[in-house]
Amino acid sequence: SDTSLMLYLRLRLTSVGRAVSKNTRSAAFARALNASSRLLSAGTAVNRFAASDAKGAVALSRQSLGRFSMQQRYMAVTGGEPAIIPVPAMGDSISEGTVVTWHKAVGDQVEMDEVLCEVETDKVTVEIRAPDSGVIQELFAKAGDTVLVGKDLVKLLKGATGGNVSAGKGAPPAKDQKPAAPAAPGPSAPKSAATPSAPPSAPKPAAPGAPPAAPGARAERTDRRVPMTRMRKRIAERLKESQNTAAMLTTYNEIDMTSIMEMRSLFKDEFEKKHQVKLGFMSMFAYAAMKSLQEIPIVNAVIDGDDVVYRDYVDISVAVSSPNGLVVPVLRDVQNMGFAGIESAIAAYGVKASSGSLALEDMAGGTFTISNGGVFGSMMSMPIVNQPQSAILGMHATVKRPYVVGDKIEIRPIMYVALTYDHRIIDGREAVTFLKSIKQKVEDPRRLLLGL
């Protein structure tokens, strides 16, 4: 009878409701309870609809219970000793950084030395790694936050097991979980005779087209505001600081690249076969600059307060483009290096710059800088001194140009070079002599072998 059916449904739904936690009762379950109440007065005409709605509520409730149980399984963590991971020291002059991105989340299982996050400083992006294996219990900063060296960064349960199945991803669905069966459709409403259905083959009316654009109408213009990265802000600060501090002046010259290009073409294959690295022009310019710095030591010196500090070593900073901006790793003790050593060091720095793995130690120091805008096609520029250094050499593109050789005009591969220097410490005569010395050594590589 109808009354018996209603009592059965109410008892059935009440038992399901007790089994489902308050947090997992779905809206469908509530609708089913209301539907069962309406059935008491609606009669037998809607019995099938009520039964189907009740079955749907039961299925959804079971599905909610399954999801709850699945989450409990995947978030289960056993054992572990709480440990705080602080922001590590990232260099002598660095006291803070910005969290760029998190590679792990709360509840993730991590292994020793696995990357937790990336912190960007004003010089380099540092990967923060887990000192122990365990499960992440708490993160004390989010992406974009500024963190101080020594402050708490991560709370880790050392040695704990469990946690999320996949780091940074949602837990996979349980193997035994199946989607709930769709509720049985209710009886279709009787069709009105006044609104006959259209035959399947009847063509649909075409949608009205968009009104034509007014002649001369301008497309919408938008702006996009992106915060500067910490490294870009630091680069901007240092460049402006250099302009405000140094009395910069630039002198220019031109270099006939004929001889050095012939030497490279003649020996590049043999050089690469022996040293496992390609022979480029940067090593030749770095070696020539090192010899010229030894001849004119004031260009390798630096102002420190009221003193001038002379260095008996040559550390050349080489400007390299990276995804995060311009970086200047340092070739150390170039006076003790040959062409092969210089090329190997430059190649290694290029790989690290491309992958964003340059360390702070790679860029600390430097007594002189070489920048090569020629790789981008630059014909001429005025480089800015890399403070606290006193000079920078700018290389540019090699282009065939008319060039006077003796009393004749010939077509030669010519490179313009620029030397920007701090006029507070380097006089014009010394700067011009230094740049001319590099020109002579590159134009006639025999001078490098003879120490001339």
Protein backbone atom coordinates (compact mmCIF):
# COMPACT_ATOMS: atom_id res chain seq x y z
CA SER A 1 0.00 0.00 0.00
CA ASP A 2 1.04 3.65 -0.28
CA THR A 3 1.38 3.98 3.48
CA SER A 4 3.60 0.91 3.72
CA LEU A 5 5.79 2.21 0.90
CA MET A 6 6.18 5.58 2.58
CA LEU A 7 7.13 4.01 5.89
CA TYR A 8 9.69 1.78 4.15
CA LEU A 9 11.26 4.74 2.36
CA ARG A 10 11.41 6.83 5.52
CA LEU A 11 13.05 4.02 7.51
CA ARG A 12 15.47 3.32 4.66
CA LEU A 13 16.52 6.94 4.25
CA THR A 14 16.84 7.44 8.01
CA SER A 15 19.23 4.49 8.28
CA VAL A 16 21.36 5.85 5.44
CA GLY A 17 21.41 9.32 7.00
CA ARG A 18 22.78 7.91 10.27
CA ALA A 19 25.59 6.19 8.37
CA VAL A 20 26.67 9.32 6.56
CA SER A 21 28.67 11.90 8.50
CA LYS A 22 27.35 15.43 8.77
CA ASN A 23 30.16 16.72 6.51
CA THR A 24 29.32 14.31 3.70
CA ARG A 25 25.52 14.55 3.51
CA SER A 26 24.78 15.68 0.00
CA ALA A 27 22.10 18.03 -1.23
CA ALA A 28 20.55 15.09 -3.05
CA PHE A 29 20.06 13.28 0.29
CA ALA A 30 18.19 16.29 1.70
CA ARG A 31 16.05 16.53 -1.43
CA ALA A 32 15.18 12.84 -1.08
CA LEU A 33 13.96 13.33 2.50
CA ASN A 34 11.77 16.21 1.40
CA ALA A 35 10.47 14.12 -1.48
CA SER A 36 9.50 11.30 0.86
CA SER A 37 7.50 13.72 3.02
CA ARG A 38 5.67 15.06 0.00
CA LEU A 39 4.78 11.51 -0.99
CA LEU A 40 2.55 11.10 2.07
CA SER A 41 0.06 13.52 0.55
CA ALA A 42 0.79 13.14 -3.16
CA GLY A 43 -0.68 9.66 -3.63
CA THR A 44 0.37 6.83 -5.87
CA ALA A 45 0.85 8.92 -9.03
CA VAL A 46 4.45 9.81 -8.11
CA ASN A 47 5.59 6.64 -6.35
CA ARG A 48 8.08 5.76 -9.06
CA PHE A 49 9.66 9.23 -9.01
CA ALA A 50 10.09 9.12 -5.20
CA ALA A 51 11.66 5.69 -5.34
CA SER A 52 14.15 6.76 -8.00
CA ASP A 53 15.04 9.93 -6.06
CA ALA A 54 15.59 7.89 -2.90
CA LYS A 55 17.85 5.45 -4.75
CA GLY A 56 19.83 8.39 -6.10
CA ALA A 57 20.26 9.77 -2.58
CA VAL A 58 21.52 6.40 -1.34
CA ALA A 59 23.97 6.11 -4.25
CA LEU A 60 25.30 9.65 -3.79
CA SER A 61 25.63 9.15 -0.05
CA ARG A 62 27.65 5.98 -0.60
CA GLN A 63 29.79 7.83 -3.13
CA SER A 64 30.44 10.60 -0.58
CA LEU A 65 31.41 8.02 2.00
CA GLY A 66 33.79 6.47 -0.52
CA ARG A 67 35.48 9.81 -1.20
CA PHE A 68 35.81 10.50 2.51
CA SER A 69 37.37 7.10 3.13
CA MET A 70 39.72 7.56 0.17
CA GLN A 71 40.96 10.91 1.48
CA GLN A 72 41.51 9.41 4.89
CA ARG A 73 43.57 6.59 3.36
CA TYR A 74 45.80 8.86 1.28
CA MET A 75 46.41 11.40 4.02
CA ALA A 76 47.31 8.79 6.63
CA VAL A 77 50.75 9.49 8.14
CA THR A 78 52.56 7.18 10.52
CA GLY A 79 55.49 7.96 12.81
CA GLY A 80 57.83 10.89 12.42
CA GLU A 81 59.68 13.40 14.55
CA PRO A 82 58.80 17.10 14.02
CA ALA A 83 61.68 19.19 12.68
CA ILE A 84 61.82 22.81 11.51
CA ILE A 85 63.65 23.61 8.26
CA PRO A 86 64.82 27.25 8.29
CA VAL A 87 65.69 29.47 5.34
CA PRO A 88 69.36 28.61 4.74
CA ALA A 89 72.21 31.07 4.27
CA MET A 90 72.41 32.05 0.59
CA GLY A 91 75.54 34.19 0.54
CA ASP A 92 77.49 36.61 2.68
CA SER A 93 75.58 39.70 1.54
CA ILE A 94 72.11 38.13 1.23
CA SER A 95 69.66 38.37 4.13
CA GLU A 96 66.35 37.63 2.43
CA GLY A 97 64.70 36.19 -0.66
CA THR A 98 61.34 35.67 -2.31
CA VAL A 99 59.64 32.28 -2.56
CA VAL A 100 59.13 31.82 -6.30
CA THR A 101 57.38 28.46 -6.33
CA TRP A 102 56.67 25.48 -4.12
CA HIS A 103 57.40 22.01 -5.50
CA LYS A 104 55.83 20.31 -2.47
CA ALA A 105 52.65 20.78 -0.46
CA VAL A 106 51.40 19.92 3.02
CA GLY A 107 51.05 16.16 3.35
CA ASP A 108 53.56 15.34 0.60
CA GLN A 109 56.14 12.63 1.14
CA VAL A 110 59.68 13.93 0.46
CA GLU A 111 63.05 12.27 0.23
CA MET A 112 66.38 13.60 1.46
CA ASP A 113 67.87 16.26 -0.88
CA GLU A 114 64.59 16.60 -2.80
CA VAL A 115 63.73 20.16 -3.89
CA LEU A 116 61.07 21.76 -1.67
CA CYS A 117 60.89 25.22 -3.19
CA GLU A 118 62.82 27.91 -5.08
CA VAL A 119 63.84 31.18 -3.44
CA GLU A 120 64.93 34.10 -5.60
CA THR A 121 67.54 36.51 -4.29
CA ASP A 122 68.88 39.65 -5.92
CA LYS A 123 71.64 37.59 -7.54
CA VAL A 124 70.42 34.06 -8.18
CA THR A 125 67.54 31.63 -7.67
CA VAL A 126 68.33 29.08 -4.95
CA GLU A 127 66.77 25.63 -4.64
CA ILE A 128 65.84 24.76 -1.03
CA ARG A 129 66.24 21.01 -0.48
CA ALA A 130 64.99 18.67 2.23
CA PRO A 131 67.72 17.77 4.77
CA ASP A 132 65.86 14.55 5.68
CA SER A 133 63.11 12.33 4.36
CA GLY A 134 59.63 12.54 5.83
CA VAL A 135 56.23 14.17 5.39
CA ILE A 136 55.57 17.92 5.19
CA GLN A 137 53.34 19.00 8.07
CA GLU A 138 53.30 22.78 7.61
CA LEU A 139 54.55 25.53 5.27
CA PHE A 140 55.32 28.89 6.86
CA ALA A 141 55.34 30.93 3.62
CA LYS A 142 53.48 30.93 0.34
CA ALA A 143 54.67 31.74 -3.18
CA GLY A 144 55.48 35.45 -3.45
CA ASP A 145 56.32 35.90 0.24
CA THR A 146 59.63 37.42 1.34
CA VAL A 147 61.52 35.15 3.73
CA LEU A 148 64.47 36.04 5.97
CA VAL A 149 67.56 33.89 6.33
CA GLY A 150 67.26 31.74 9.47
CA LYS A 151 63.48 32.03 9.80
CA ASP A 152 61.17 28.99 9.81
CA LEU A 153 60.25 27.78 6.32
CA VAL A 154 58.95 24.20 6.57
CA LYS A 155 57.82 21.86 9.36
CA LEU A 156 58.79 18.29 8.48
CA LEU A 157 57.90 15.02 10.19
CA LYS A 158 61.28 13.31 9.89
CA GLY A 159 61.10 9.65 9.04
CA ALA A 160 57.32 9.68 8.68
CA THR A 161 55.68 7.56 6.02
CA GLY A 162 52.45 7.99 4.14
CA GLY A 163 51.24 11.38 3.05
CA ASN A 164 49.92 12.21 -0.39
CA VAL A 165 50.51 9.60 -3.03
CA SER A 166 51.80 12.06 -5.61
CA ALA A 167 53.55 15.28 -4.67
CA GLY A 168 51.82 18.36 -5.93
CA LYS A 169 48.90 16.35 -7.38
CA GLY A 170 45.57 15.18 -6.10
CA ALA A 171 45.32 11.65 -4.76
CA PRO A 172 44.28 9.12 -7.41
CA PRO A 173 40.82 7.57 -7.13
CA ALA A 174 40.51 4.33 -5.21
CA LYS A 175 40.68 1.26 -7.42
CA ASP A 176 37.45 -0.21 -6.05
CA GLN A 177 35.52 3.02 -6.35
CA LYS A 178 32.92 3.04 -9.11
CA PRO A 179 30.81 5.95 -10.26
CA ALA A 180 27.31 5.96 -8.84
CA ALA A 181 24.65 4.59 -11.14
CA PRO A 182 22.46 7.32 -12.56
CA ALA A 183 19.05 7.65 -10.97
CA ALA A 184 16.22 6.04 -12.88
CA PRO A 185 14.47 8.62 -14.99
CA GLY A 186 11.04 9.67 -13.85
CA PRO A 187 7.94 9.45 -16.02
CA SER A 188 7.94 11.86 -18.91
CA ALA A 189 5.47 14.70 -18.76
CA PRO A 190 2.66 14.41 -21.31
CA LYS A 191 3.35 16.43 -24.42
CA SER A 192 1.02 19.28 -25.18
CA ALA A 193 -0.96 18.91 -28.38
CA ALA A 194 -0.61 22.62 -29.01
CA THR A 195 3.21 22.36 -29.25
CA PRO A 196 4.05 19.50 -31.63
CA SER A 197 7.68 18.43 -31.74
CA ALA A 198 9.65 19.25 -34.88
CA PRO A 199 10.61 16.30 -37.11
CA PRO A 200 14.28 15.22 -36.90
CA SER A 201 14.95 16.26 -40.46
CA ALA A 202 13.60 19.75 -40.06
CA PRO A 203 16.34 22.34 -40.67
CA LYS A 204 17.19 24.63 -37.80
CA PRO A 205 16.92 28.34 -38.38
CA ALA A 206 20.29 30.01 -38.80
CA ALA A 207 21.51 32.15 -35.93
CA PRO A 208 21.62 35.83 -36.74
CA GLY A 209 25.12 36.95 -37.61
CA ALA A 210 27.07 39.51 -35.60
CA PRO A 211 26.52 43.07 -36.72
CA PRO A 212 29.33 44.32 -38.94
CA ALA A 213 31.99 46.39 -37.22
CA ALA A 214 31.72 50.06 -37.68
CA PRO A 215 34.19 51.36 -40.27
CA GLY A 216 37.34 52.65 -38.67
CA ALA A 217 36.57 51.02 -35.30
CA ARG A 218 39.70 50.50 -33.18
CA ALA A 219 40.50 47.19 -31.52
CA GLU A 220 40.40 47.12 -27.74
CA ARG A 221 43.76 48.03 -26.18
CA THR A 222 44.87 46.48 -22.91
CA ASP A 223 47.74 46.80 -20.46
CA ARG A 224 49.40 44.02 -18.53
CA ARG A 225 51.19 44.75 -15.25
CA VAL A 226 53.77 42.20 -14.09
CA PRO A 227 55.78 42.61 -10.85
CA MET A 228 59.54 42.84 -11.32
CA THR A 229 61.48 39.83 -10.11
CA ARG A 230 63.89 40.34 -7.25
CA MET A 231 66.83 39.76 -9.61
CA ARG A 232 65.57 42.31 -12.14
CA LYS A 233 65.05 44.89 -9.39
CA ARG A 234 68.58 44.28 -8.13
CA ILE A 235 70.02 44.59 -11.64
CA ALA A 236 68.21 47.92 -12.04
CA GLU A 237 69.51 49.14 -8.68
CA ARG A 238 73.11 48.15 -9.45
CA LEU A 239 73.10 49.76 -12.90
CA LYS A 240 71.75 53.02 -11.51
CA GLU A 241 74.17 52.81 -8.60
CA SER A 242 77.05 52.43 -11.05
CA GLN A 243 75.97 55.48 -13.03
CA ASN A 244 75.59 57.53 -9.85
CA THR A 245 78.93 56.40 -8.38
CA ALA A 246 81.46 56.12 -11.19
CA ALA A 247 82.64 58.89 -13.50
CA MET A 248 82.15 56.72 -16.58
CA LEU A 249 83.74 57.43 -19.91
CA THR A 250 83.90 55.22 -23.02
CA THR A 251 86.62 54.92 -25.64
CA TYR A 252 86.28 52.98 -28.90
CA ASN A 253 88.46 51.18 -31.41
CA GLU A 254 88.12 48.72 -34.27
CA ILE A 255 89.76 45.34 -34.70
CA ASP A 256 90.60 43.57 -37.95
CA MET A 257 89.54 39.98 -37.22
CA THR A 258 91.21 38.46 -40.32
CA SER A 259 94.21 36.81 -38.61
CA ILE A 260 92.37 35.44 -35.59
CA MET A 261 89.56 34.08 -37.77
CA GLU A 262 92.11 32.33 -39.98
CA MET A 263 93.83 30.84 -36.93
CA ARG A 264 90.52 29.61 -35.54
CA SER A 265 89.48 28.12 -38.87
CA LEU A 266 92.83 26.33 -39.21
CA PHE A 267 92.98 24.78 -35.72
CA LYS A 268 89.37 24.56 -34.43
CA ASP A 269 88.86 20.88 -35.32
CA GLU A 270 92.18 19.78 -33.85
CA PHE A 271 91.58 21.95 -30.78
CA GLU A 272 88.14 20.43 -30.15
CA LYS A 273 89.43 16.89 -30.67
CA LYS A 274 92.17 17.37 -28.09
CA HIS A 275 90.38 19.47 -25.46
CA GLN A 276 86.75 18.32 -25.96
CA VAL A 277 85.57 21.92 -26.22
CA LYS A 278 85.05 24.30 -29.13
CA LEU A 279 87.46 27.16 -29.82
CA GLY A 280 85.69 30.52 -29.79
CA PHE A 281 86.64 34.17 -29.87
CA MET A 282 85.75 34.84 -26.23
CA SER A 283 88.73 32.85 -24.96
CA MET A 284 91.06 34.84 -27.23
CA PHE A 285 89.69 38.17 -26.03
CA ALA A 286 89.79 37.03 -22.39
CA TYR A 287 93.40 35.92 -22.76
CA ALA A 288 94.35 39.16 -24.54
CA ALA A 289 92.57 41.20 -21.84
CA MET A 290 94.42 39.31 -19.10
CA LYS A 291 97.79 40.11 -20.69
CA SER A 292 96.83 43.77 -21.15
CA LEU A 293 95.61 44.02 -17.53
CA GLN A 294 99.01 42.78 -16.38
CA GLU A 295 100.68 45.43 -18.53
CA ILE A 296 98.40 48.25 -17.30
CA PRO A 297 97.47 47.23 -13.71
CA ILE A 298 95.45 50.37 -12.93
CA VAL A 299 92.62 49.01 -15.12
CA ASN A 300 92.55 45.94 -12.85
CA ALA A 301 92.55 48.07 -9.69
CA VAL A 302 89.63 49.35 -7.61
CA ILE A 303 88.84 52.31 -5.37
CA ASP A 304 88.26 51.40 -1.71
CA GLY A 305 87.50 54.52 0.33
CA ASP A 306 90.54 56.75 0.02
CA ASP A 307 92.76 53.92 -1.23
CA VAL A 308 93.45 52.29 -4.58
CA VAL A 309 93.68 48.50 -4.32
CA TYR A 310 95.87 46.77 -6.93
CA ARG A 311 95.31 43.05 -7.59
CA ASP A 312 98.05 40.71 -8.78
CA TYR A 313 95.42 38.27 -10.03
CA VAL A 314 92.90 38.57 -12.87
CA ASP A 315 89.30 37.46 -12.34
CA ILE A 316 87.24 38.19 -15.46
CA SER A 317 83.45 38.40 -15.22
CA VAL A 318 81.76 37.20 -18.40
CA ALA A 319 78.28 38.58 -19.05
CA VAL A 320 75.88 35.72 -19.89
CA SER A 321 72.18 35.91 -20.73
CA SER A 322 69.91 33.64 -18.67
CA PRO A 323 66.13 33.11 -18.47
CA ASN A 324 66.08 35.30 -15.34
CA GLY A 325 68.19 38.13 -16.74
CA LEU A 326 71.82 39.05 -17.26
CA VAL A 327 74.30 37.24 -15.00
CA VAL A 328 78.08 37.60 -14.77
CA PRO A 329 79.86 34.42 -13.65
CA VAL A 330 83.56 34.84 -12.94
CA LEU A 331 86.57 33.18 -14.59
CA ARG A 332 89.01 33.02 -11.69
CA ASP A 333 92.79 33.29 -11.95
CA VAL A 334 92.78 33.74 -15.70
CA GLN A 335 96.53 34.43 -15.46
CA ASN A 336 96.93 30.69 -14.81
CA MET A 337 94.62 29.55 -17.62
CA GLY A 338 95.10 28.79 -21.29
CA PHE A 339 92.62 28.91 -24.16
CA ALA A 340 91.28 25.42 -23.37
CA GLY A 341 90.74 26.22 -19.68
CA ILE A 342 88.94 29.47 -20.50
CA GLU A 343 86.69 27.82 -23.10
CA SER A 344 85.82 24.95 -20.74
CA ALA A 345 84.87 27.33 -17.93
CA ILE A 346 82.76 29.51 -20.25
CA ALA A 347 80.94 26.46 -21.65
CA ALA A 348 80.19 25.16 -18.14
CA TYR A 349 78.82 28.55 -17.07
CA GLY A 350 76.67 28.72 -20.20
CA VAL A 351 75.01 25.40 -19.35
CA LYS A 352 74.42 26.43 -15.74
CA ALA A 353 73.01 29.81 -16.77
CA SER A 354 70.55 28.21 -19.22
CA SER A 355 69.31 25.78 -16.57
CA GLY A 356 69.18 28.44 -13.84
CA SER A 357 71.63 26.54 -11.64
CA LEU A 358 74.33 29.18 -11.21
CA ALA A 359 75.41 29.46 -7.58
CA LEU A 360 76.26 32.65 -5.74
CA GLU A 361 79.89 31.57 -5.57
CA ASP A 362 80.00 31.51 -9.38
CA MET A 363 79.26 35.24 -9.56
CA ALA A 364 81.08 36.64 -6.54
CA GLY A 365 84.08 38.89 -7.09
CA GLY A 366 85.62 39.76 -10.44
CA THR A 367 88.19 42.43 -11.31
CA PHE A 368 87.20 43.11 -14.95
CA THR A 369 84.18 42.35 -17.16
CA ILE A 370 83.76 41.37 -20.82
CA SER A 371 80.34 41.72 -22.46
CA ASN A 372 79.66 40.39 -25.95
CA GLY A 373 76.65 42.08 -27.51
CA GLY A 374 77.84 40.84 -30.88
CA VAL A 375 76.07 37.52 -30.39
CA PHE A 376 72.79 39.47 -30.69
CA GLY A 377 74.00 41.52 -33.67
CA SER A 378 74.98 44.70 -31.82
CA MET A 379 77.21 46.97 -33.89
CA MET A 380 78.11 49.48 -31.16
CA SER A 381 77.23 50.15 -27.53
CA MET A 382 78.45 51.86 -24.39
CA PRO A 383 78.62 49.19 -21.65
CA ILE A 384 78.11 50.16 -18.01
CA VAL A 385 80.85 49.44 -15.47
CA ASN A 386 80.08 46.51 -13.19
CA GLN A 387 80.62 48.05 -9.74
CA PRO A 388 82.89 47.92 -7.81
CA GLN A 389 85.11 47.13 -10.82
CA SER A 390 86.76 49.92 -12.75
CA ALA A 391 86.35 48.92 -16.40
CA ILE A 392 84.37 46.77 -18.83
CA LEU A 393 85.15 45.68 -22.39
CA GLY A 394 82.30 45.52 -24.90
CA MET A 395 82.60 43.22 -27.93
CA HIS A 396 80.31 43.62 -30.93
CA ALA A 397 79.34 41.95 -34.20
CA THR A 398 82.02 41.16 -36.77
CA VAL A 399 80.95 42.67 -40.11
CA LYS A 400 82.72 42.97 -43.45
CA ARG A 401 83.64 46.60 -43.97
CA PRO A 402 85.98 48.64 -46.15
CA TYR A 403 89.31 48.85 -44.33
CA VAL A 404 92.56 50.59 -45.21
CA VAL A 405 95.49 48.13 -45.49
CA GLY A 406 98.67 49.98 -46.39
CA ASP A 407 97.57 52.30 -49.16
CA LYS A 408 94.70 50.13 -50.35
CA ILE A 409 91.08 49.75 -49.35
CA GLU A 410 90.14 46.13 -48.76
CA ILE A 411 87.05 44.35 -47.46
CA ARG A 412 87.92 42.98 -44.01
CA PRO A 413 85.94 41.44 -41.11
CA ILE A 414 85.85 44.29 -38.59
CA MET A 415 84.67 44.35 -34.97
CA TYR A 416 84.08 47.55 -33.05
CA VAL A 417 85.13 47.35 -29.41
CA ALA A 418 84.34 49.71 -26.53
CA LEU A 419 86.01 50.21 -23.16
CA THR A 420 83.97 51.97 -20.48
CA TYR A 421 86.07 52.93 -17.46
CA ASP A 422 85.83 54.81 -14.18
CA HIS A 423 87.58 58.11 -14.88
CA ARG A 424 88.09 58.66 -11.15
CA ILE A 425 90.85 56.05 -11.15
CA ILE A 426 91.77 55.48 -14.83
CA ASP A 427 93.08 58.30 -16.99
CA GLY A 428 92.24 58.57 -20.67
CA ARG A 429 95.80 57.73 -21.75
CA GLU A 430 95.76 54.49 -19.78
CA ALA A 431 92.32 53.51 -21.10
CA VAL A 432 93.25 54.13 -24.73
CA THR A 433 96.59 52.33 -24.30
CA PHE A 434 94.82 49.34 -22.74
CA LEU A 435 92.27 49.04 -25.55
CA LYS A 436 94.98 49.46 -28.19
CA SER A 437 96.97 46.66 -26.53
CA ILE A 438 93.99 44.30 -26.87
CA LYS A 439 93.59 45.34 -30.51
CA GLN A 440 97.22 44.53 -31.31
CA LYS A 441 97.11 41.12 -29.62
CA VAL A 442 93.90 40.04 -31.35
CA GLU A 443 94.95 41.31 -34.78
CA ASP A 444 98.28 39.46 -34.53
CA PRO A 445 97.89 36.37 -32.28
CA ARG A 446 101.65 35.75 -32.46
CA ARG A 447 102.02 38.51 -29.90
CA LEU A 448 100.14 36.35 -27.39
CA LEU A 449 102.67 33.54 -27.83
CA LEU A 450 105.63 35.89 -27.56
CA GLY A 451 104.24 37.91 -24.66
CA LEU A 452 104.24 41.15 -26.68
